C-alpha cells in the first residue's frame, strides 16, 4: 500500500500526523507493533454491510484492522468541522456492535501501546491483557519511541479511561446518528 492508497480512506485528504502514522505502520509492519492491528486501504465494502446508504458511507472512513477476526477502526465525520486528527474513532465489530473507542487519533495511537486486540460485542468494546499469556509485539518498543518523539505521547498502562471518556463525549451523538441507518434490534 502506498500513501496515496491510504489517503483514499479519507476522501483523498490526509493530515501530516496521519501520514506519519502511515509511515511508521509501513516501517514496523502490519500487526508487528500492536496485536491484531494494521492500517489498510479500504473500499468501504466492509462498512457497507452495516448500511449502503450514501449518507452513512460518506461520514465513515474505515482505515485499520482492529483484530484478527475482521473488526475495523473507522473515523467518524460528525460534521464538527474538525480536522481528521480530531474526529472520533469508532470500532465496528465483525460480529456486531459498534463503539466509540477514542476521542481523536492521538488517543487512539496511545491505545495501541496496550498491545492487545480489542474485543467487540453488542454491549461493549474492551481491551484485555492476560499477563501470564501476554507476549509483547516485536516492534512495540520502536512504536512507543516513535509516539513519544513525534507527538510527546506516553504509552498507556490501562485503556478504560480513554474508552470511557470517548463514550461519554460521543456515544449518545453517534448512537442517534447511526440509528438513522442501522439498528441492532
Protein backbone atom coordinates (compact mmCIF):
# COMPACT_ATOMS: atom_id res chain seq x y z
CA UNK A 1 0.00 0.00 0.00
CA UNK A 2 1.20 3.50 -0.81
CA UNK A 3 0.42 6.75 0.99
CA UNK A 4 -1.79 7.67 -1.99
CA UNK A 5 -3.73 4.43 -1.48
CA UNK A 6 -4.11 5.17 2.25
CA UNK A 7 -5.31 8.72 1.53
CA UNK A 8 -8.29 7.25 -0.34
CA UNK A 9 -9.67 6.16 3.05
CA UNK A 10 -10.07 9.85 3.91
CA UNK A 11 -11.54 11.15 0.65
CA UNK A 12 -8.03 11.80 -0.73
CA UNK A 13 -7.12 14.15 2.11
CA UNK A 14 -4.66 13.43 4.87
CA UNK A 15 -3.03 15.27 7.75
CA UNK A 16 0.69 15.28 8.41
CA UNK A 17 0.04 13.25 11.56
CA UNK A 18 -1.86 10.53 9.68
CA UNK A 19 0.88 10.46 7.05
CA UNK A 20 3.45 9.89 9.83
CA UNK A 21 1.21 7.14 11.26
CA UNK A 22 1.13 5.51 7.83
CA UNK A 23 4.93 5.69 7.55
CA UNK A 24 5.56 4.06 10.95
CA UNK A 25 2.98 1.37 10.16
CA UNK A 26 4.82 0.61 6.91
CA UNK A 27 8.20 0.63 8.67
CA UNK A 28 7.23 -1.56 11.62
CA UNK A 29 4.87 -3.87 9.76
CA UNK A 30 1.25 -4.96 9.91
CA UNK A 31 0.43 -6.45 13.35
CA UNK A 32 4.09 -6.12 14.43
CA UNK A 33 3.69 -3.30 16.97
CA UNK A 34 0.20 -3.83 18.34
CA UNK A 35 -1.57 -7.19 18.32
CA UNK A 36 -4.26 -7.56 15.68
CA UNK A 37 -3.77 -4.02 14.37
CA UNK A 38 -2.75 -2.71 10.99
CA UNK A 39 -3.59 0.20 8.72
CA UNK A 40 -5.11 -0.68 5.36
CA UNK A 41 -6.67 0.71 2.22
CA UNK A 42 -10.43 0.36 2.39
CA UNK A 43 -13.08 0.37 -0.33
CA UNK A 44 -15.98 0.58 2.18
CA UNK A 45 -17.14 -2.93 1.33
CA UNK A 46 -16.92 -3.96 4.99
CA UNK A 47 -18.71 -0.95 6.42
CA UNK A 48 -21.38 -1.15 3.70
CA UNK A 49 -22.54 -4.41 5.27
CA UNK A 50 -23.96 -2.19 8.04
CA UNK A 51 -25.73 0.17 5.63
CA UNK A 52 -25.40 1.02 1.96
CA UNK A 53 -26.92 4.48 2.41
CA UNK A 54 -24.60 7.05 0.83
CA UNK A 55 -25.02 9.46 3.77
CA UNK A 56 -23.83 6.71 6.11
CA UNK A 57 -20.88 5.73 3.93
CA UNK A 58 -19.82 9.35 3.32
CA UNK A 59 -19.39 10.04 7.05
CA UNK A 60 -17.41 6.91 7.93
CA UNK A 61 -13.78 6.37 6.97
CA UNK A 62 -12.52 2.84 7.71
CA UNK A 63 -8.74 2.87 7.99
CA UNK A 64 -7.49 -0.11 10.00
CA UNK A 65 -7.96 -3.70 11.01
CA UNK A 66 -8.92 -3.85 14.69
CA UNK A 67 -8.37 -7.54 15.37
CA UNK A 68 -7.69 -10.82 13.66
CA UNK A 69 -11.36 -11.62 13.14
CA UNK A 70 -12.39 -8.71 10.94
CA UNK A 71 -13.39 -5.83 13.18
CA UNK A 72 -12.43 -2.40 11.84
CA UNK A 73 -11.48 1.03 13.09
CA UNK A 74 -13.27 3.96 11.49
CA UNK A 75 -13.05 7.74 11.74
CA UNK A 76 -16.48 9.35 12.02
CA UNK A 77 -17.00 12.73 10.38
CA UNK A 78 -19.60 14.08 12.79
CA UNK A 79 -19.86 17.42 10.95
CA UNK A 80 -17.90 19.19 13.68
CA UNK A 81 -15.59 20.85 11.11
CA UNK A 82 -12.61 19.35 12.90
CA UNK A 83 -9.51 18.02 11.19
CA UNK A 84 -9.18 14.30 10.58
CA UNK A 85 -6.91 14.16 13.65
CA UNK A 86 -9.73 15.36 15.91
CA UNK A 87 -12.51 13.07 14.68
CA UNK A 88 -13.74 10.29 16.97
CA UNK A 89 -12.55 6.74 16.35
CA UNK A 90 -15.18 4.00 16.30
CA UNK A 91 -14.72 0.24 16.23
CA UNK A 92 -17.22 -1.81 14.23
CA UNK A 93 -17.23 -5.43 15.34
CA UNK A 94 -17.10 -8.28 12.86
CA UNK A 95 -19.98 -9.98 14.67
CA UNK A 96 -21.90 -6.84 15.57
CA UNK A 97 -21.53 -3.97 17.95
CA UNK A 98 -20.05 -0.54 17.35
CA UNK A 99 -18.43 1.63 19.98
CA UNK A 100 -16.56 4.89 20.32
CA UNK A 101 -13.01 4.00 21.39
CA UNK A 102 -11.11 7.31 21.28
CA UNK A 103 -11.97 10.99 21.03
CA UNK A 104 -9.27 11.52 18.40
CA UNK A 105 -6.43 9.83 16.53
CA UNK A 106 -3.90 10.73 19.25
CA UNK A 107 -5.78 8.88 21.99
CA UNK A 108 -6.23 6.04 19.54
CA UNK A 109 -2.48 5.83 18.87
CA UNK A 110 -1.94 5.65 22.63
CA UNK A 111 -4.43 2.75 22.92
CA UNK A 112 -2.26 0.77 20.52
CA UNK A 113 0.57 0.79 23.08
CA UNK A 114 -1.54 -1.53 25.26
CA UNK A 115 -0.66 -4.13 22.63
CA UNK A 116 -3.73 -6.36 22.70
CA UNK A 117 -6.55 -6.89 20.23
CA UNK A 118 -9.80 -5.14 21.01
CA UNK A 119 -12.78 -7.31 21.88
CA UNK A 120 -16.09 -6.12 20.44
CA UNK A 121 -19.61 -7.32 21.08
CA UNK A 122 -23.02 -5.69 21.07
CA UNK A 123 -22.73 -4.36 24.62
CA UNK A 124 -19.12 -3.16 24.82
CA UNK A 125 -15.64 -2.92 23.39
CA UNK A 126 -12.66 -3.51 25.62
CA UNK A 127 -9.01 -4.49 25.74
CA UNK A 128 -7.98 -7.41 27.92
CA UNK A 129 -4.44 -8.48 28.69
CA UNK A 130 -3.71 -11.74 30.49
CA UNK A 131 -0.28 -11.01 31.92
CA UNK A 132 0.53 -14.74 32.14
CA UNK A 133 -0.08 -15.29 28.41
CA UNK A 134 0.94 -11.86 27.11
CA UNK A 135 3.84 -11.68 24.68
CA UNK A 136 4.93 -8.21 23.60
CA UNK A 137 4.73 -7.43 19.89
CA UNK A 138 8.13 -7.44 18.24
CA UNK A 139 8.21 -3.76 17.26
CA UNK A 140 6.22 -2.26 20.15
CA UNK A 141 9.30 -0.62 21.75
CA UNK A 142 10.05 1.22 18.48
CA UNK A 143 6.41 2.32 18.21
CA UNK A 144 6.47 3.72 21.75
CA UNK A 145 9.64 5.70 21.00
CA UNK A 146 8.09 7.00 17.75
CA UNK A 147 4.91 8.07 19.59
CA UNK A 148 6.91 9.98 22.21
CA UNK A 149 9.28 11.59 19.69
CA UNK A 150 6.57 12.68 17.24
CA UNK A 151 3.63 13.55 19.50
CA UNK A 152 5.03 13.60 23.05
CA UNK A 153 2.56 10.86 23.98
CA UNK A 154 3.25 8.21 26.59
CA UNK A 155 2.18 4.57 26.43
CA UNK A 156 -0.89 3.57 28.44
CA UNK A 157 -1.00 1.07 31.28
CA UNK A 158 -4.79 0.82 31.13
CA UNK A 159 -7.38 1.59 28.45
CA UNK A 160 -10.58 2.02 30.41
CA UNK A 161 -10.30 5.78 30.97
CA UNK A 162 -9.73 6.56 27.27
CA UNK A 163 -12.66 4.34 26.28
CA UNK A 164 -14.95 5.78 28.99
CA UNK A 165 -14.10 9.41 28.17
CA UNK A 166 -14.66 8.79 24.46
CA UNK A 167 -18.00 7.11 25.16
CA UNK A 168 -19.04 9.99 27.39
CA UNK A 169 -18.13 12.55 24.75
CA UNK A 170 -19.64 10.90 21.67
CA UNK A 171 -21.77 7.80 22.40
CA UNK A 172 -25.18 9.49 22.55
CA UNK A 173 -24.48 11.56 19.43
CA UNK A 174 -23.14 8.59 17.48
CA UNK A 175 -25.96 6.25 18.55
CA UNK A 176 -28.52 8.80 17.43
CA UNK A 177 -26.76 9.34 14.11
CA UNK A 178 -26.18 5.65 13.30
CA UNK A 179 -29.78 4.72 14.22
CA UNK A 180 -30.91 6.51 11.06
CA UNK A 181 -29.17 3.83 9.02
CA UNK A 182 -28.83 0.72 11.18
CA UNK A 183 -30.45 -0.91 14.19
CA UNK A 184 -29.08 -3.85 16.17
CA UNK A 185 -32.56 -4.72 17.46
